[in-house]
Amino acid sequence: MIPLSFTGIFLTFCWLDFPFDQGGYPSFLRVSSLTVNSLILIVNDFNGFRKKAPHPSGLDLYLKAFYHEITPIFLSIVSTALGLLPFTMYGQQEAFWFSLAVITFMIPVFFL
């Protein structure tokens, strides 16, 4: 999942023609941390559901865990993106914050 999310970073900078400045590097950390956090939530629920009902198929348990955790995952991604929205709109002169905010704001597009 992390390499796939990194692809989204590169595509954002390429398609939207933004310079990959100093804010681009921390965007890798932000995207990978959101990805790992989301996967930890899903795997934790998957393991809990597997202990309660050990015989269902793995795909059924994964889908159940995914649907159970999609709302908190979505809320954490959207709140992170909206937190940096002002830098996207008004921070073009700040290279670090603008690059970081553009990627952070585009995260929901690539996750959903």
N, C-alpha and C. Protein backbone atom coordinates (compact mmCIF):
# COMPACT_ATOMS: atom_id res chain seq x y z
N MET A 1 0.81 -1.21 0.00
CA MET A 1 0.00 0.00 0.00
C MET A 1 0.85 1.27 0.00
N ILE A 2 1.99 1.23 0.68
CA ILE A 2 2.82 2.43 0.74
C ILE A 2 3.38 2.80 -0.64
N PRO A 3 3.93 1.85 -1.41
CA PRO A 3 4.38 2.24 -2.76
C PRO A 3 3.25 2.77 -3.64
N LEU A 4 2.05 2.24 -3.47
CA LEU A 4 0.92 2.74 -4.23
C LEU A 4 0.60 4.18 -3.84
N SER A 5 0.69 4.49 -2.56
CA SER A 5 0.43 5.87 -2.13
C SER A 5 1.54 6.80 -2.60
N PHE A 6 2.77 6.31 -2.70
CA PHE A 6 3.86 7.14 -3.24
C PHE A 6 3.62 7.45 -4.71
N THR A 7 3.01 6.53 -5.42
CA THR A 7 2.66 6.78 -6.81
C THR A 7 1.70 7.95 -6.91
N GLY A 8 0.78 8.04 -5.98
CA GLY A 8 -0.14 9.17 -5.94
C GLY A 8 0.57 10.50 -5.74
N ILE A 9 1.62 10.50 -4.94
CA ILE A 9 2.40 11.73 -4.73
C ILE A 9 3.05 12.17 -6.03
N PHE A 10 3.70 11.23 -6.70
CA PHE A 10 4.36 11.58 -7.95
C PHE A 10 3.37 12.03 -9.02
N LEU A 11 2.24 11.36 -9.09
CA LEU A 11 1.23 11.74 -10.08
C LEU A 11 0.66 13.13 -9.79
N THR A 12 0.49 13.46 -8.53
CA THR A 12 -0.01 14.78 -8.18
C THR A 12 0.95 15.87 -8.63
N PHE A 13 2.22 15.69 -8.34
CA PHE A 13 3.19 16.71 -8.75
C PHE A 13 3.32 16.77 -10.27
N CYS A 14 3.20 15.64 -10.93
CA CYS A 14 3.34 15.60 -12.39
C CYS A 14 2.11 16.18 -13.08
N TRP A 15 0.92 15.70 -12.73
CA TRP A 15 -0.30 16.11 -13.40
C TRP A 15 -0.67 17.56 -13.12
N LEU A 16 -0.49 17.99 -11.88
CA LEU A 16 -0.87 19.34 -11.52
C LEU A 16 0.25 20.35 -11.75
N ASP A 17 1.41 19.87 -12.20
CA ASP A 17 2.55 20.71 -12.54
C ASP A 17 3.00 21.58 -11.37
N PHE A 18 3.09 20.98 -10.19
CA PHE A 18 3.62 21.66 -9.01
C PHE A 18 5.09 21.31 -8.86
N PRO A 19 5.89 22.24 -8.40
CA PRO A 19 7.31 21.91 -8.19
C PRO A 19 7.47 21.02 -6.96
N PHE A 20 8.33 20.02 -7.08
CA PHE A 20 8.60 19.13 -5.96
C PHE A 20 9.65 19.80 -5.09
N ASP A 21 9.21 20.67 -4.22
CA ASP A 21 10.12 21.43 -3.36
C ASP A 21 10.38 20.67 -2.07
N GLN A 22 10.86 21.40 -1.10
CA GLN A 22 11.21 20.81 0.19
C GLN A 22 10.00 20.24 0.93
N GLY A 23 8.80 20.67 0.62
CA GLY A 23 7.61 20.11 1.25
C GLY A 23 7.20 18.78 0.66
N GLY A 24 7.78 18.40 -0.45
CA GLY A 24 7.46 17.12 -1.06
C GLY A 24 8.00 15.94 -0.27
N TYR A 25 9.16 16.12 0.35
CA TYR A 25 9.76 15.02 1.11
C TYR A 25 8.97 14.67 2.37
N PRO A 26 8.54 15.65 3.16
CA PRO A 26 7.71 15.28 4.32
C PRO A 26 6.35 14.72 3.92
N SER A 27 5.92 15.01 2.70
CA SER A 27 4.65 14.44 2.26
C SER A 27 4.74 12.92 2.16
N PHE A 28 5.92 12.39 1.88
CA PHE A 28 6.09 10.93 1.89
C PHE A 28 5.85 10.38 3.29
N LEU A 29 6.35 11.07 4.29
CA LEU A 29 6.12 10.63 5.68
C LEU A 29 4.65 10.72 6.06
N ARG A 30 4.00 11.79 5.66
CA ARG A 30 2.59 11.97 6.00
C ARG A 30 1.73 10.90 5.34
N VAL A 31 1.96 10.66 4.07
CA VAL A 31 1.16 9.67 3.35
C VAL A 31 1.43 8.27 3.87
N SER A 32 2.70 7.94 4.12
CA SER A 32 3.00 6.60 4.62
C SER A 32 2.47 6.40 6.04
N SER A 33 2.48 7.45 6.86
CA SER A 33 1.93 7.29 8.22
C SER A 33 0.42 7.11 8.19
N LEU A 34 -0.27 7.82 7.31
CA LEU A 34 -1.72 7.60 7.19
C LEU A 34 -2.03 6.21 6.65
N THR A 35 -1.22 5.74 5.72
CA THR A 35 -1.42 4.39 5.18
C THR A 35 -1.20 3.33 6.25
N VAL A 36 -0.11 3.45 6.98
CA VAL A 36 0.19 2.46 8.02
C VAL A 36 -0.87 2.51 9.12
N ASN A 37 -1.29 3.69 9.52
CA ASN A 37 -2.33 3.82 10.54
C ASN A 37 -3.62 3.14 10.09
N SER A 38 -4.00 3.36 8.84
CA SER A 38 -5.22 2.73 8.31
C SER A 38 -5.10 1.22 8.28
N LEU A 39 -3.95 0.73 7.87
CA LEU A 39 -3.77 -0.72 7.81
C LEU A 39 -3.73 -1.35 9.20
N ILE A 40 -3.17 -0.66 10.16
CA ILE A 40 -3.16 -1.18 11.53
C ILE A 40 -4.58 -1.31 12.06
N LEU A 41 -5.42 -0.32 11.80
CA LEU A 41 -6.81 -0.41 12.24
C LEU A 41 -7.53 -1.60 11.60
N ILE A 42 -7.32 -1.79 10.30
CA ILE A 42 -8.00 -2.88 9.60
C ILE A 42 -7.48 -4.24 10.07
N VAL A 43 -6.17 -4.39 10.20
CA VAL A 43 -5.60 -5.68 10.62
C VAL A 43 -5.99 -6.00 12.05
N ASN A 44 -6.06 -5.01 12.92
CA ASN A 44 -6.48 -5.25 14.29
C ASN A 44 -7.91 -5.77 14.34
N ASP A 45 -8.81 -5.16 13.60
CA ASP A 45 -10.18 -5.66 13.55
C ASP A 45 -10.26 -7.03 12.90
N PHE A 46 -9.47 -7.25 11.86
CA PHE A 46 -9.44 -8.55 11.19
C PHE A 46 -9.06 -9.65 12.17
N ASN A 47 -8.01 -9.41 12.95
CA ASN A 47 -7.59 -10.41 13.94
C ASN A 47 -8.64 -10.62 15.02
N GLY A 48 -9.29 -9.55 15.45
CA GLY A 48 -10.35 -9.69 16.45
C GLY A 48 -11.53 -10.48 15.92
N PHE A 49 -11.94 -10.22 14.68
CA PHE A 49 -13.04 -10.97 14.08
C PHE A 49 -12.65 -12.42 13.85
N ARG A 50 -11.39 -12.68 13.53
CA ARG A 50 -10.94 -14.06 13.31
C ARG A 50 -10.95 -14.86 14.60
N LYS A 51 -10.66 -14.22 15.72
CA LYS A 51 -10.69 -14.93 17.00
C LYS A 51 -12.12 -15.26 17.41
N LYS A 52 -13.06 -14.37 17.08
CA LYS A 52 -14.46 -14.62 17.45
C LYS A 52 -15.10 -15.69 16.59
N ALA A 53 -14.77 -15.71 15.30
CA ALA A 53 -15.36 -16.69 14.38
C ALA A 53 -14.23 -17.25 13.52
N PRO A 54 -13.58 -18.32 13.95
CA PRO A 54 -12.39 -18.80 13.25
C PRO A 54 -12.65 -19.48 11.91
N HIS A 55 -13.89 -19.80 11.54
CA HIS A 55 -14.13 -20.57 10.33
C HIS A 55 -14.50 -19.77 9.08
N PRO A 56 -14.96 -18.53 9.15
CA PRO A 56 -15.28 -17.82 7.90
C PRO A 56 -14.03 -17.58 7.05
N SER A 57 -14.25 -17.30 5.79
CA SER A 57 -13.13 -17.08 4.88
C SER A 57 -12.41 -15.77 5.22
N GLY A 58 -11.16 -15.70 4.80
CA GLY A 58 -10.36 -14.52 5.08
C GLY A 58 -10.89 -13.28 4.39
N LEU A 59 -11.42 -13.45 3.19
CA LEU A 59 -11.95 -12.30 2.46
C LEU A 59 -13.17 -11.71 3.17
N ASP A 60 -14.05 -12.58 3.68
CA ASP A 60 -15.22 -12.09 4.41
C ASP A 60 -14.81 -11.32 5.67
N LEU A 61 -13.82 -11.85 6.37
CA LEU A 61 -13.35 -11.17 7.58
C LEU A 61 -12.67 -9.85 7.24
N TYR A 62 -11.91 -9.83 6.15
CA TYR A 62 -11.25 -8.58 5.76
C TYR A 62 -12.28 -7.53 5.37
N LEU A 63 -13.26 -7.92 4.60
CA LEU A 63 -14.29 -6.95 4.20
C LEU A 63 -15.08 -6.44 5.40
N LYS A 64 -15.35 -7.33 6.35
CA LYS A 64 -16.05 -6.91 7.57
C LYS A 64 -15.20 -5.91 8.35
N ALA A 65 -13.89 -6.19 8.47
CA ALA A 65 -12.99 -5.27 9.17
C ALA A 65 -12.86 -3.95 8.42
N PHE A 66 -12.80 -4.03 7.09
CA PHE A 66 -12.69 -2.81 6.29
C PHE A 66 -13.92 -1.93 6.46
N TYR A 67 -15.09 -2.52 6.35
CA TYR A 67 -16.32 -1.74 6.49
C TYR A 67 -16.52 -1.22 7.92
N HIS A 68 -15.98 -1.94 8.88
CA HIS A 68 -16.08 -1.50 10.27
C HIS A 68 -15.19 -0.29 10.55
N GLU A 69 -14.05 -0.21 9.87
CA GLU A 69 -13.07 0.85 10.15
C GLU A 69 -13.01 1.94 9.10
N ILE A 70 -13.83 1.88 8.06
CA ILE A 70 -13.71 2.87 6.99
C ILE A 70 -14.08 4.28 7.46
N THR A 71 -15.02 4.41 8.36
CA THR A 71 -15.41 5.74 8.83
C THR A 71 -14.28 6.42 9.61
N PRO A 72 -13.65 5.78 10.61
CA PRO A 72 -12.53 6.46 11.29
C PRO A 72 -11.36 6.74 10.36
N ILE A 73 -11.10 5.84 9.42
CA ILE A 73 -10.01 6.07 8.47
C ILE A 73 -10.33 7.28 7.61
N PHE A 74 -11.53 7.32 7.09
CA PHE A 74 -11.94 8.44 6.23
C PHE A 74 -11.89 9.75 7.00
N LEU A 75 -12.36 9.76 8.23
CA LEU A 75 -12.35 11.00 9.02
C LEU A 75 -10.93 11.48 9.32
N SER A 76 -10.02 10.57 9.60
CA SER A 76 -8.64 10.99 9.87
C SER A 76 -7.97 11.53 8.61
N ILE A 77 -8.25 10.94 7.45
CA ILE A 77 -7.66 11.43 6.21
C ILE A 77 -8.24 12.80 5.85
N VAL A 78 -9.54 12.95 5.96
CA VAL A 78 -10.17 14.22 5.60
C VAL A 78 -9.78 15.33 6.57
N SER A 79 -9.71 15.04 7.86
CA SER A 79 -9.32 16.09 8.81
C SER A 79 -7.88 16.52 8.60
N THR A 80 -7.01 15.58 8.25
CA THR A 80 -5.63 15.95 7.94
C THR A 80 -5.57 16.83 6.71
N ALA A 81 -6.33 16.46 5.69
CA ALA A 81 -6.33 17.25 4.45
C ALA A 81 -6.92 18.64 4.67
N LEU A 82 -8.02 18.73 5.39
CA LEU A 82 -8.65 20.03 5.60
C LEU A 82 -7.83 20.93 6.51
N GLY A 83 -7.00 20.35 7.36
CA GLY A 83 -6.15 21.15 8.24
C GLY A 83 -5.13 21.98 7.48
N LEU A 84 -4.70 21.48 6.33
CA LEU A 84 -3.72 22.22 5.53
C LEU A 84 -4.33 22.92 4.32
N LEU A 85 -5.63 22.94 4.22
CA LEU A 85 -6.31 23.59 3.10
C LEU A 85 -5.98 25.08 2.98
N PRO A 86 -5.89 25.85 4.07
CA PRO A 86 -5.52 27.27 3.91
C PRO A 86 -4.16 27.47 3.25
N PHE A 87 -3.21 26.57 3.50
CA PHE A 87 -1.90 26.70 2.85
C PHE A 87 -2.00 26.42 1.36
N THR A 88 -2.94 25.57 0.96
CA THR A 88 -3.14 25.30 -0.46
C THR A 88 -3.72 26.52 -1.16
N MET A 89 -4.62 27.20 -0.49
CA MET A 89 -5.29 28.34 -1.13
C MET A 89 -4.45 29.62 -1.07
N TYR A 90 -3.75 29.86 0.04
CA TYR A 90 -3.10 31.16 0.24
C TYR A 90 -1.59 31.08 0.43
N GLY A 91 -0.99 29.91 0.32
CA GLY A 91 0.43 29.80 0.66
C GLY A 91 1.35 29.51 -0.49
N GLN A 92 1.05 30.00 -1.70
CA GLN A 92 1.90 29.71 -2.84
C GLN A 92 3.32 30.25 -2.69
N GLN A 93 3.52 31.30 -1.91
CA GLN A 93 4.85 31.85 -1.73
C GLN A 93 5.68 31.05 -0.73
N GLU A 94 5.05 30.20 0.07
CA GLU A 94 5.77 29.36 1.02
C GLU A 94 5.99 27.98 0.39
N ALA A 95 7.21 27.71 -0.06
CA ALA A 95 7.48 26.49 -0.82
C ALA A 95 7.22 25.23 0.01
N PHE A 96 7.68 25.22 1.24
CA PHE A 96 7.53 24.03 2.07
C PHE A 96 6.06 23.73 2.35
N TRP A 97 5.36 24.71 2.87
CA TRP A 97 3.97 24.47 3.29
C TRP A 97 3.05 24.23 2.11
N PHE A 98 3.31 24.93 0.99
CA PHE A 98 2.44 24.75 -0.16
C PHE A 98 2.57 23.35 -0.74
N SER A 99 3.80 22.85 -0.90
CA SER A 99 3.99 21.49 -1.43
C SER A 99 3.40 20.45 -0.50
N LEU A 100 3.62 20.61 0.79
CA LEU A 100 3.06 19.67 1.76
C LEU A 100 1.54 19.72 1.75
N ALA A 101 0.98 20.90 1.66
CA ALA A 101 -0.47 21.04 1.69
C ALA A 101 -1.12 20.49 0.42
N VAL A 102 -0.48 20.66 -0.73
CA VAL A 102 -1.04 20.13 -1.96
C VAL A 102 -1.15 18.62 -1.89
N ILE A 103 -0.09 17.97 -1.46
CA ILE A 103 -0.12 16.50 -1.36
C ILE A 103 -1.12 16.07 -0.30
N THR A 104 -1.13 16.73 0.83
CA THR A 104 -2.04 16.34 1.90
C THR A 104 -3.49 16.53 1.47
N PHE A 105 -3.74 17.57 0.73
CA PHE A 105 -5.11 17.82 0.26
C PHE A 105 -5.52 16.80 -0.81
N MET A 106 -4.56 16.27 -1.55
CA MET A 106 -4.87 15.29 -2.59
C MET A 106 -4.94 13.86 -2.06
N ILE A 107 -4.59 13.63 -0.80
CA ILE A 107 -4.62 12.27 -0.24
C ILE A 107 -5.99 11.63 -0.35
N PRO A 108 -7.09 12.33 0.00
CA PRO A 108 -8.39 11.66 -0.13
C PRO A 108 -8.72 11.26 -1.56
N VAL A 109 -8.22 11.98 -2.53
CA VAL A 109 -8.47 11.62 -3.92
C VAL A 109 -7.85 10.28 -4.26
N PHE A 110 -6.63 10.04 -3.79
CA PHE A 110 -5.95 8.79 -4.12
C PHE A 110 -6.36 7.64 -3.23
N PHE A 111 -6.81 7.92 -2.00
CA PHE A 111 -7.27 6.84 -1.13
C PHE A 111 -8.67 6.39 -1.50
N LEU A 112 -9.46 7.28 -2.02
CA LEU A 112 -10.84 6.94 -2.34
C LEU A 112 -10.94 6.77 -3.81
